[in-house]
Amino acid sequence: MHITTTYLPLFSEEELADLTTLIIMGRQSNQYYAEDYEREFERNLRDAQQDKNEAFRYIIDNTAALYYIRKALKLLGCKQLSVESHFNY
């Protein structure tokens, strides 16, 4: 797919793990605390290192990714960043 071949090389495994972690924590924000971020990130980093393409597809195929990222940013105490993101969901 053109998106994968064009954009996947622009992301490091750490960046993919970070975005995946934010999406997961935002999607299930009632099950996570800010303190859970590091543990979840490490798990997602291992997954991205095993299959970078699959980690990228998870993010790209998630139609609500921006909404979940915004929720996770609020959960992590990044309220200003989540407001400035202009994700109007």
N, C-alpha and C. Protein backbone atom coordinates (compact mmCIF):
# COMPACT_ATOMS: atom_id res chain seq x y z
N MET A 1 0.84 -1.17 0.00
CA MET A 1 0.00 0.00 0.00
C MET A 1 0.89 1.25 0.00
N HIS A 2 0.48 2.24 -0.74
CA HIS A 2 1.25 3.47 -0.91
C HIS A 2 1.50 4.19 0.42
N ILE A 3 0.50 4.22 1.30
CA ILE A 3 0.67 4.90 2.59
C ILE A 3 1.79 4.24 3.39
N THR A 4 1.81 2.93 3.40
CA THR A 4 2.83 2.21 4.16
C THR A 4 4.22 2.46 3.60
N THR A 5 4.37 2.35 2.31
CA THR A 5 5.70 2.53 1.72
C THR A 5 6.17 3.97 1.80
N THR A 6 5.24 4.91 1.81
CA THR A 6 5.60 6.33 1.87
C THR A 6 5.88 6.80 3.30
N TYR A 7 5.02 6.42 4.23
CA TYR A 7 5.10 6.99 5.57
C TYR A 7 5.75 6.12 6.63
N LEU A 8 5.69 4.82 6.49
CA LEU A 8 6.30 3.94 7.49
C LEU A 8 7.77 4.26 7.75
N PRO A 9 8.57 4.51 6.71
CA PRO A 9 9.99 4.82 6.97
C PRO A 9 10.21 6.10 7.78
N LEU A 10 9.21 6.94 7.87
CA LEU A 10 9.35 8.20 8.60
C LEU A 10 9.22 8.02 10.11
N PHE A 11 8.75 6.86 10.55
CA PHE A 11 8.51 6.61 11.97
C PHE A 11 9.54 5.65 12.54
N SER A 12 10.02 5.97 13.72
CA SER A 12 10.89 5.03 14.44
C SER A 12 10.00 4.03 15.17
N GLU A 13 10.58 2.96 15.62
CA GLU A 13 9.83 1.98 16.40
C GLU A 13 9.32 2.61 17.70
N GLU A 14 10.11 3.50 18.28
CA GLU A 14 9.72 4.18 19.51
C GLU A 14 8.51 5.08 19.27
N GLU A 15 8.49 5.79 18.14
CA GLU A 15 7.35 6.66 17.83
C GLU A 15 6.09 5.85 17.60
N LEU A 16 6.22 4.72 16.91
CA LEU A 16 5.06 3.86 16.69
C LEU A 16 4.55 3.30 18.01
N ALA A 17 5.47 2.92 18.89
CA ALA A 17 5.07 2.40 20.20
C ALA A 17 4.38 3.49 21.02
N ASP A 18 4.86 4.71 20.94
CA ASP A 18 4.27 5.82 21.66
C ASP A 18 2.84 6.06 21.18
N LEU A 19 2.66 6.14 19.87
CA LEU A 19 1.31 6.37 19.32
C LEU A 19 0.38 5.22 19.66
N THR A 20 0.86 4.00 19.55
CA THR A 20 0.04 2.83 19.89
C THR A 20 -0.37 2.88 21.35
N THR A 21 0.56 3.22 22.22
CA THR A 21 0.26 3.32 23.65
C THR A 21 -0.80 4.38 23.92
N LEU A 22 -0.67 5.52 23.28
CA LEU A 22 -1.67 6.58 23.47
C LEU A 22 -3.04 6.13 22.98
N ILE A 23 -3.09 5.45 21.86
CA ILE A 23 -4.37 4.97 21.33
C ILE A 23 -5.00 3.97 22.29
N ILE A 24 -4.22 3.01 22.74
CA ILE A 24 -4.75 1.98 23.64
C ILE A 24 -5.22 2.60 24.96
N MET A 25 -4.41 3.47 25.53
CA MET A 25 -4.78 4.08 26.80
C MET A 25 -5.97 5.01 26.64
N GLY A 26 -6.08 5.68 25.52
CA GLY A 26 -7.23 6.55 25.27
C GLY A 26 -8.50 5.77 25.02
N ARG A 27 -8.37 4.65 24.33
CA ARG A 27 -9.53 3.82 24.03
C ARG A 27 -10.10 3.21 25.31
N GLN A 28 -9.24 2.88 26.24
CA GLN A 28 -9.66 2.24 27.49
C GLN A 28 -9.26 3.12 28.67
N SER A 29 -9.53 4.41 28.57
CA SER A 29 -9.04 5.36 29.57
C SER A 29 -9.57 5.09 30.97
N ASN A 30 -10.69 4.41 31.10
CA ASN A 30 -11.20 4.10 32.44
C ASN A 30 -10.45 2.93 33.08
N GLN A 31 -9.56 2.29 32.33
CA GLN A 31 -8.80 1.15 32.86
C GLN A 31 -7.32 1.48 33.10
N TYR A 32 -6.92 2.70 32.80
CA TYR A 32 -5.51 3.08 32.91
C TYR A 32 -5.31 4.31 33.79
N TYR A 33 -4.11 4.38 34.34
CA TYR A 33 -3.65 5.56 35.06
C TYR A 33 -2.38 6.04 34.37
N ALA A 34 -2.01 7.27 34.61
CA ALA A 34 -0.79 7.82 33.99
C ALA A 34 0.42 6.95 34.29
N GLU A 35 0.45 6.34 35.47
CA GLU A 35 1.58 5.51 35.87
C GLU A 35 1.73 4.26 35.01
N ASP A 36 0.69 3.89 34.28
CA ASP A 36 0.72 2.69 33.44
C ASP A 36 1.43 2.91 32.11
N TYR A 37 1.71 4.17 31.78
CA TYR A 37 2.25 4.49 30.46
C TYR A 37 3.54 3.73 30.15
N GLU A 38 4.51 3.77 31.05
CA GLU A 38 5.82 3.16 30.78
C GLU A 38 5.71 1.67 30.50
N ARG A 39 4.95 0.98 31.31
CA ARG A 39 4.77 -0.47 31.14
C ARG A 39 4.11 -0.78 29.79
N GLU A 40 3.07 -0.02 29.47
CA GLU A 40 2.36 -0.23 28.20
C GLU A 40 3.27 0.12 27.01
N PHE A 41 4.04 1.20 27.15
CA PHE A 41 4.97 1.60 26.09
C PHE A 41 5.99 0.50 25.82
N GLU A 42 6.57 -0.05 26.87
CA GLU A 42 7.58 -1.10 26.70
C GLU A 42 7.00 -2.31 25.98
N ARG A 43 5.78 -2.68 26.30
CA ARG A 43 5.13 -3.80 25.62
C ARG A 43 4.91 -3.50 24.14
N ASN A 44 4.45 -2.28 23.86
CA ASN A 44 4.21 -1.88 22.47
C ASN A 44 5.51 -1.70 21.69
N LEU A 45 6.57 -1.30 22.37
CA LEU A 45 7.87 -1.18 21.72
C LEU A 45 8.37 -2.56 21.29
N ARG A 46 8.23 -3.54 22.15
CA ARG A 46 8.63 -4.91 21.77
C ARG A 46 7.84 -5.38 20.54
N ASP A 47 6.54 -5.09 20.53
CA ASP A 47 5.71 -5.47 19.38
C ASP A 47 6.18 -4.76 18.11
N ALA A 48 6.47 -3.47 18.21
CA ALA A 48 6.92 -2.70 17.04
C ALA A 48 8.27 -3.19 16.54
N GLN A 49 9.13 -3.60 17.46
CA GLN A 49 10.43 -4.13 17.05
C GLN A 49 10.28 -5.47 16.34
N GLN A 50 9.29 -6.24 16.71
CA GLN A 50 9.05 -7.52 16.06
C GLN A 50 8.40 -7.35 14.69
N ASP A 51 7.48 -6.39 14.57
CA ASP A 51 6.77 -6.19 13.31
C ASP A 51 6.38 -4.72 13.16
N LYS A 52 7.30 -3.93 12.63
CA LYS A 52 7.09 -2.50 12.48
C LYS A 52 5.90 -2.20 11.57
N ASN A 53 5.75 -2.98 10.52
CA ASN A 53 4.65 -2.78 9.58
C ASN A 53 3.30 -2.97 10.27
N GLU A 54 3.18 -4.00 11.09
CA GLU A 54 1.92 -4.27 11.80
C GLU A 54 1.62 -3.14 12.80
N ALA A 55 2.63 -2.64 13.47
CA ALA A 55 2.43 -1.53 14.41
C ALA A 55 1.92 -0.29 13.67
N PHE A 56 2.46 -0.03 12.51
CA PHE A 56 2.03 1.11 11.69
C PHE A 56 0.58 0.91 11.23
N ARG A 57 0.25 -0.29 10.78
CA ARG A 57 -1.11 -0.58 10.30
C ARG A 57 -2.13 -0.38 11.42
N TYR A 58 -1.77 -0.77 12.64
CA TYR A 58 -2.68 -0.60 13.77
C TYR A 58 -3.07 0.87 13.93
N ILE A 59 -2.12 1.75 13.79
CA ILE A 59 -2.37 3.18 13.94
C ILE A 59 -3.17 3.72 12.76
N ILE A 60 -2.72 3.41 11.56
CA ILE A 60 -3.35 3.94 10.35
C ILE A 60 -4.78 3.44 10.18
N ASP A 61 -5.03 2.19 10.52
CA ASP A 61 -6.35 1.59 10.33
C ASP A 61 -7.35 1.97 11.42
N ASN A 62 -6.89 2.62 12.48
CA ASN A 62 -7.77 2.98 13.58
C ASN A 62 -8.42 4.33 13.27
N THR A 63 -9.68 4.28 12.87
CA THR A 63 -10.37 5.51 12.44
C THR A 63 -10.59 6.51 13.56
N ALA A 64 -10.55 6.06 14.80
CA ALA A 64 -10.75 6.96 15.94
C ALA A 64 -9.43 7.29 16.64
N ALA A 65 -8.32 7.04 15.99
CA ALA A 65 -7.00 7.22 16.62
C ALA A 65 -6.81 8.61 17.20
N LEU A 66 -7.17 9.64 16.48
CA LEU A 66 -6.96 11.00 16.99
C LEU A 66 -7.79 11.26 18.24
N TYR A 67 -8.99 10.76 18.27
CA TYR A 67 -9.85 10.90 19.45
C TYR A 67 -9.21 10.21 20.65
N TYR A 68 -8.73 8.99 20.46
CA TYR A 68 -8.12 8.23 21.54
C TYR A 68 -6.83 8.89 22.02
N ILE A 69 -6.05 9.40 21.10
CA ILE A 69 -4.80 10.09 21.47
C ILE A 69 -5.12 11.30 22.34
N ARG A 70 -6.14 12.05 21.97
CA ARG A 70 -6.53 13.22 22.77
C ARG A 70 -6.96 12.80 24.17
N LYS A 71 -7.76 11.75 24.28
CA LYS A 71 -8.18 11.26 25.60
C LYS A 71 -6.98 10.82 26.43
N ALA A 72 -6.03 10.15 25.80
CA ALA A 72 -4.84 9.69 26.52
C ALA A 72 -3.99 10.86 26.98
N LEU A 73 -3.86 11.88 26.16
CA LEU A 73 -3.10 13.07 26.55
C LEU A 73 -3.71 13.72 27.79
N LYS A 74 -5.02 13.77 27.84
CA LYS A 74 -5.69 14.31 29.03
C LYS A 74 -5.42 13.42 30.24
N LEU A 75 -5.51 12.11 30.05
CA LEU A 75 -5.25 11.15 31.13
C LEU A 75 -3.84 11.31 31.68
N LEU A 76 -2.89 11.58 30.79
CA LEU A 76 -1.49 11.72 31.18
C LEU A 76 -1.15 13.10 31.70
N GLY A 77 -2.14 13.98 31.78
CA GLY A 77 -1.92 15.31 32.33
C GLY A 77 -1.44 16.33 31.32
N CYS A 78 -1.56 16.02 30.06
CA CYS A 78 -1.14 16.94 28.99
C CYS A 78 -2.35 17.69 28.47
N LYS A 79 -3.09 18.31 29.37
CA LYS A 79 -4.35 18.95 28.99
C LYS A 79 -4.16 20.05 27.95
N GLN A 80 -3.13 20.86 28.11
CA GLN A 80 -2.90 21.96 27.17
C GLN A 80 -2.63 21.41 25.76
N LEU A 81 -1.81 20.39 25.68
CA LEU A 81 -1.49 19.79 24.38
C LEU A 81 -2.75 19.19 23.75
N SER A 82 -3.59 18.55 24.54
CA SER A 82 -4.79 17.95 23.99
C SER A 82 -5.76 19.02 23.49
N VAL A 83 -5.80 20.17 24.16
CA VAL A 83 -6.65 21.28 23.71
C VAL A 83 -6.09 21.91 22.44
N GLU A 84 -4.76 22.11 22.40
CA GLU A 84 -4.13 22.73 21.26
C GLU A 84 -4.12 21.83 20.02
N SER A 85 -4.42 20.55 20.20
CA SER A 85 -4.39 19.63 19.07
C SER A 85 -5.53 19.87 18.12
N HIS A 86 -6.56 20.56 18.54
CA HIS A 86 -7.72 20.87 17.70
C HIS A 86 -8.43 19.62 17.20
N PHE A 87 -8.40 18.56 17.99
CA PHE A 87 -9.15 17.35 17.63
C PHE A 87 -10.58 17.57 18.12
N ASN A 88 -11.44 18.04 17.29
CA ASN A 88 -12.80 18.34 17.69
C ASN A 88 -13.70 17.12 17.57
N TYR A 89 -13.56 16.20 18.50
CA TYR A 89 -14.39 14.99 18.50
C TYR A 89 -15.29 15.02 19.70
